[in-house]
Amino acid sequence: MTAPDAAGQAADRFLLAEMVGLLNDAEHYVWGTSDQRLAYLERRAKLLHRLMDATGNESSRYLAQDAEDRAAAARAGVEALAAECGDPKPAPRQD
């Protein structure tokens, strides 16, 4: 096995591990705090973009963009509600 092959396999394993972690988190989405739900939505969008990059499937990029738009809309809603209620702002986005 060459070094590029090993690096590609390691990247594939890491991507797969992230996907499994995200699927596990999806099971607890409903019971999570607003910070946990926002983090989940943002992780999902980021992972979808990485999957599109890894597969080169640009025709499905709209799925990743839609997930990113939904995460941004959810963040805006939570921030507005926090401001209205005098609650602390949600945790910053993790990039």
N, C-alpha and C. Protein backbone atom coordinates (compact mmCIF):
# COMPACT_ATOMS: atom_id res chain seq x y z
N MET A 1 0.85 -1.17 0.00
CA MET A 1 0.00 0.00 0.00
C MET A 1 0.90 1.23 0.00
N THR A 2 0.59 2.18 -0.85
CA THR A 2 1.37 3.40 -0.93
C THR A 2 0.88 4.41 0.09
N ALA A 3 1.69 5.42 0.31
CA ALA A 3 1.32 6.45 1.30
C ALA A 3 0.03 7.16 0.93
N PRO A 4 -0.18 7.54 -0.35
CA PRO A 4 -1.47 8.18 -0.68
C PRO A 4 -2.67 7.26 -0.44
N ASP A 5 -2.51 5.94 -0.72
CA ASP A 5 -3.61 5.01 -0.46
C ASP A 5 -3.93 4.94 1.03
N ALA A 6 -2.89 4.87 1.85
CA ALA A 6 -3.08 4.81 3.30
C ALA A 6 -3.73 6.09 3.81
N ALA A 7 -3.31 7.23 3.27
CA ALA A 7 -3.90 8.51 3.70
C ALA A 7 -5.37 8.57 3.30
N GLY A 8 -5.69 8.08 2.10
CA GLY A 8 -7.08 8.07 1.65
C GLY A 8 -7.95 7.17 2.50
N GLN A 9 -7.42 6.01 2.88
CA GLN A 9 -8.18 5.10 3.74
C GLN A 9 -8.38 5.70 5.12
N ALA A 10 -7.37 6.37 5.63
CA ALA A 10 -7.50 7.01 6.94
C ALA A 10 -8.56 8.10 6.89
N ALA A 11 -8.56 8.88 5.81
CA ALA A 11 -9.57 9.94 5.66
C ALA A 11 -10.97 9.33 5.54
N ASP A 12 -11.09 8.23 4.81
CA ASP A 12 -12.38 7.55 4.69
C ASP A 12 -12.88 7.06 6.03
N ARG A 13 -11.98 6.48 6.82
CA ARG A 13 -12.37 5.99 8.16
C ARG A 13 -12.80 7.14 9.06
N PHE A 14 -12.10 8.25 8.98
CA PHE A 14 -12.44 9.41 9.79
C PHE A 14 -13.82 9.95 9.39
N LEU A 15 -14.07 10.03 8.10
CA LEU A 15 -15.35 10.50 7.60
C LEU A 15 -16.47 9.56 8.04
N LEU A 16 -16.22 8.28 7.96
CA LEU A 16 -17.21 7.29 8.39
C LEU A 16 -17.47 7.40 9.90
N ALA A 17 -16.42 7.60 10.68
CA ALA A 17 -16.59 7.75 12.13
C ALA A 17 -17.42 8.99 12.46
N GLU A 18 -17.18 10.07 11.72
CA GLU A 18 -17.99 11.28 11.93
C GLU A 18 -19.45 11.04 11.59
N MET A 19 -19.68 10.29 10.51
CA MET A 19 -21.05 10.01 10.11
C MET A 19 -21.76 9.16 11.16
N VAL A 20 -21.08 8.17 11.70
CA VAL A 20 -21.68 7.33 12.74
C VAL A 20 -21.98 8.18 13.98
N GLY A 21 -21.06 9.05 14.35
CA GLY A 21 -21.29 9.93 15.49
C GLY A 21 -22.49 10.83 15.28
N LEU A 22 -22.61 11.36 14.08
CA LEU A 22 -23.75 12.23 13.76
C LEU A 22 -25.06 11.46 13.82
N LEU A 23 -25.06 10.24 13.30
CA LEU A 23 -26.28 9.42 13.36
C LEU A 23 -26.65 9.08 14.81
N ASN A 24 -25.66 8.83 15.64
CA ASN A 24 -25.94 8.59 17.06
C ASN A 24 -26.55 9.83 17.71
N ASP A 25 -26.02 11.00 17.37
CA ASP A 25 -26.54 12.24 17.94
C ASP A 25 -27.97 12.52 17.46
N ALA A 26 -28.30 12.07 16.26
CA ALA A 26 -29.65 12.28 15.73
C ALA A 26 -30.70 11.61 16.61
N GLU A 27 -30.33 10.51 17.23
CA GLU A 27 -31.27 9.81 18.11
C GLU A 27 -31.68 10.65 19.31
N HIS A 28 -30.83 11.60 19.71
CA HIS A 28 -31.08 12.40 20.91
C HIS A 28 -31.43 13.85 20.58
N TYR A 29 -31.65 14.14 19.30
CA TYR A 29 -31.89 15.51 18.86
C TYR A 29 -33.08 16.15 19.58
N VAL A 30 -34.17 15.45 19.69
CA VAL A 30 -35.40 16.01 20.26
C VAL A 30 -35.20 16.42 21.72
N TRP A 31 -34.41 15.66 22.46
CA TRP A 31 -34.24 15.92 23.89
C TRP A 31 -33.06 16.82 24.19
N GLY A 32 -32.35 17.26 23.18
CA GLY A 32 -31.18 18.10 23.41
C GLY A 32 -31.54 19.54 23.73
N THR A 33 -30.56 20.25 24.24
CA THR A 33 -30.73 21.68 24.48
C THR A 33 -30.66 22.40 23.13
N SER A 34 -30.99 23.67 23.12
CA SER A 34 -30.90 24.41 21.86
C SER A 34 -29.46 24.45 21.35
N ASP A 35 -28.49 24.55 22.26
CA ASP A 35 -27.08 24.52 21.84
C ASP A 35 -26.73 23.18 21.20
N GLN A 36 -27.21 22.09 21.78
CA GLN A 36 -26.92 20.77 21.23
C GLN A 36 -27.59 20.57 19.87
N ARG A 37 -28.81 21.06 19.73
CA ARG A 37 -29.50 20.94 18.44
C ARG A 37 -28.82 21.77 17.36
N LEU A 38 -28.40 22.99 17.72
CA LEU A 38 -27.68 23.83 16.76
C LEU A 38 -26.36 23.17 16.35
N ALA A 39 -25.63 22.65 17.32
CA ALA A 39 -24.36 21.99 17.02
C ALA A 39 -24.60 20.80 16.10
N TYR A 40 -25.67 20.05 16.33
CA TYR A 40 -25.99 18.91 15.47
C TYR A 40 -26.28 19.38 14.03
N LEU A 41 -27.12 20.39 13.89
CA LEU A 41 -27.47 20.88 12.55
C LEU A 41 -26.24 21.40 11.81
N GLU A 42 -25.37 22.09 12.53
CA GLU A 42 -24.17 22.63 11.90
C GLU A 42 -23.18 21.52 11.54
N ARG A 43 -23.05 20.52 12.41
CA ARG A 43 -22.19 19.36 12.09
C ARG A 43 -22.72 18.61 10.89
N ARG A 44 -24.05 18.48 10.80
CA ARG A 44 -24.67 17.77 9.68
C ARG A 44 -24.35 18.49 8.37
N ALA A 45 -24.49 19.80 8.35
CA ALA A 45 -24.20 20.56 7.13
C ALA A 45 -22.73 20.42 6.74
N LYS A 46 -21.87 20.54 7.73
CA LYS A 46 -20.42 20.43 7.45
C LYS A 46 -20.08 19.04 6.92
N LEU A 47 -20.66 18.01 7.51
CA LEU A 47 -20.39 16.64 7.07
C LEU A 47 -20.92 16.40 5.66
N LEU A 48 -22.09 16.92 5.35
CA LEU A 48 -22.63 16.76 3.99
C LEU A 48 -21.72 17.43 2.96
N HIS A 49 -21.19 18.61 3.28
CA HIS A 49 -20.25 19.25 2.37
C HIS A 49 -18.99 18.39 2.19
N ARG A 50 -18.49 17.82 3.28
CA ARG A 50 -17.31 16.96 3.19
C ARG A 50 -17.59 15.71 2.38
N LEU A 51 -18.79 15.15 2.51
CA LEU A 51 -19.14 13.98 1.71
C LEU A 51 -19.21 14.32 0.23
N MET A 52 -19.75 15.48 -0.09
CA MET A 52 -19.80 15.91 -1.49
C MET A 52 -18.38 16.10 -2.03
N ASP A 53 -17.50 16.68 -1.21
CA ASP A 53 -16.11 16.86 -1.61
C ASP A 53 -15.43 15.52 -1.84
N ALA A 54 -15.68 14.57 -0.93
CA ALA A 54 -15.03 13.26 -1.02
C ALA A 54 -15.50 12.45 -2.21
N THR A 55 -16.77 12.57 -2.53
CA THR A 55 -17.31 11.77 -3.64
C THR A 55 -17.24 12.50 -4.97
N GLY A 56 -17.06 13.81 -4.93
CA GLY A 56 -17.04 14.58 -6.16
C GLY A 56 -18.41 14.70 -6.80
N ASN A 57 -19.45 14.44 -6.03
CA ASN A 57 -20.81 14.45 -6.55
C ASN A 57 -21.41 15.84 -6.40
N GLU A 58 -21.04 16.73 -7.30
CA GLU A 58 -21.51 18.11 -7.23
C GLU A 58 -23.00 18.24 -7.52
N SER A 59 -23.59 17.26 -8.19
CA SER A 59 -25.02 17.36 -8.49
C SER A 59 -25.87 17.25 -7.23
N SER A 60 -25.29 16.76 -6.15
CA SER A 60 -26.02 16.66 -4.88
C SER A 60 -25.60 17.73 -3.89
N ARG A 61 -24.81 18.69 -4.32
CA ARG A 61 -24.32 19.74 -3.43
C ARG A 61 -25.49 20.52 -2.81
N TYR A 62 -26.61 20.58 -3.52
CA TYR A 62 -27.77 21.33 -3.00
C TYR A 62 -28.23 20.76 -1.66
N LEU A 63 -28.03 19.47 -1.43
CA LEU A 63 -28.41 18.87 -0.14
C LEU A 63 -27.57 19.46 1.00
N ALA A 64 -26.29 19.60 0.75
CA ALA A 64 -25.40 20.18 1.76
C ALA A 64 -25.74 21.65 1.97
N GLN A 65 -26.01 22.36 0.89
CA GLN A 65 -26.35 23.78 1.00
C GLN A 65 -27.67 23.96 1.74
N ASP A 66 -28.64 23.10 1.48
CA ASP A 66 -29.92 23.16 2.18
C ASP A 66 -29.72 22.93 3.68
N ALA A 67 -28.88 21.96 4.02
CA ALA A 67 -28.61 21.69 5.44
C ALA A 67 -27.94 22.90 6.08
N GLU A 68 -27.03 23.55 5.36
CA GLU A 68 -26.37 24.74 5.88
C GLU A 68 -27.37 25.88 6.07
N ASP A 69 -28.27 26.06 5.11
CA ASP A 69 -29.30 27.10 5.21
C ASP A 69 -30.22 26.84 6.39
N ARG A 70 -30.59 25.58 6.59
CA ARG A 70 -31.47 25.24 7.72
C ARG A 70 -30.78 25.49 9.06
N ALA A 71 -29.49 25.18 9.14
CA ALA A 71 -28.74 25.42 10.36
C ALA A 71 -28.65 26.92 10.64
N ALA A 72 -28.42 27.72 9.60
CA ALA A 72 -28.35 29.18 9.76
C ALA A 72 -29.69 29.74 10.20
N ALA A 73 -30.77 29.24 9.62
CA ALA A 73 -32.11 29.71 10.01
C ALA A 73 -32.43 29.33 11.45
N ALA A 74 -32.05 28.12 11.85
CA ALA A 74 -32.29 27.69 13.24
C ALA A 74 -31.49 28.56 14.21
N ARG A 75 -30.23 28.86 13.85
CA ARG A 75 -29.40 29.70 14.71
C ARG A 75 -30.02 31.09 14.83
N ALA A 76 -30.48 31.66 13.73
CA ALA A 76 -31.10 32.99 13.77
C ALA A 76 -32.34 32.98 14.66
N GLY A 77 -33.13 31.92 14.57
CA GLY A 77 -34.32 31.82 15.40
C GLY A 77 -34.00 31.71 16.88
N VAL A 78 -33.01 30.91 17.21
CA VAL A 78 -32.62 30.74 18.62
C VAL A 78 -32.02 32.03 19.16
N GLU A 79 -31.22 32.72 18.34
CA GLU A 79 -30.65 33.99 18.79
C GLU A 79 -31.73 35.04 19.01
N ALA A 80 -32.72 35.08 18.13
CA ALA A 80 -33.81 36.05 18.28
C ALA A 80 -34.63 35.74 19.53
N LEU A 81 -34.92 34.48 19.75
CA LEU A 81 -35.69 34.09 20.93
C LEU A 81 -34.91 34.40 22.21
N ALA A 82 -33.62 34.16 22.19
CA ALA A 82 -32.79 34.46 23.37
C ALA A 82 -32.79 35.95 23.65
N ALA A 83 -32.68 36.76 22.61
CA ALA A 83 -32.69 38.21 22.79
C ALA A 83 -34.03 38.69 23.33
N GLU A 84 -35.11 38.11 22.81
CA GLU A 84 -36.45 38.50 23.23
C GLU A 84 -36.72 38.12 24.69
N CYS A 85 -36.22 36.97 25.09
CA CYS A 85 -36.47 36.47 26.45
C CYS A 85 -35.41 36.90 27.46
N GLY A 86 -34.34 37.52 26.97
CA GLY A 86 -33.26 37.92 27.86
C GLY A 86 -32.37 36.76 28.26
N ASP A 87 -32.42 35.68 27.51
CA ASP A 87 -31.58 34.52 27.78
C ASP A 87 -30.20 34.70 27.14
N PRO A 88 -29.22 33.92 27.58
CA PRO A 88 -27.91 34.00 26.95
C PRO A 88 -27.97 33.53 25.49
N LYS A 89 -27.09 34.10 24.67
CA LYS A 89 -27.01 33.69 23.27
C LYS A 89 -26.54 32.24 23.21
N PRO A 90 -26.85 31.55 22.11
CA PRO A 90 -26.37 30.18 21.97
C PRO A 90 -24.85 30.14 21.82
N ALA A 91 -24.29 28.98 22.06
CA ALA A 91 -22.84 28.81 21.91
C ALA A 91 -22.43 29.19 20.49
N PRO A 92 -21.24 29.74 20.34
CA PRO A 92 -20.81 30.10 18.98
C PRO A 92 -20.67 28.89 18.08
N ARG A 93 -20.80 29.14 16.80
CA ARG A 93 -20.67 28.07 15.80
C ARG A 93 -19.26 27.51 15.84
N GLN A 94 -19.17 26.18 15.77
CA GLN A 94 -17.86 25.53 15.77
C GLN A 94 -17.49 25.16 14.34
N ASP A 95 -16.44 25.78 13.84
CA ASP A 95 -16.01 25.48 12.46
C ASP A 95 -14.82 24.59 12.44
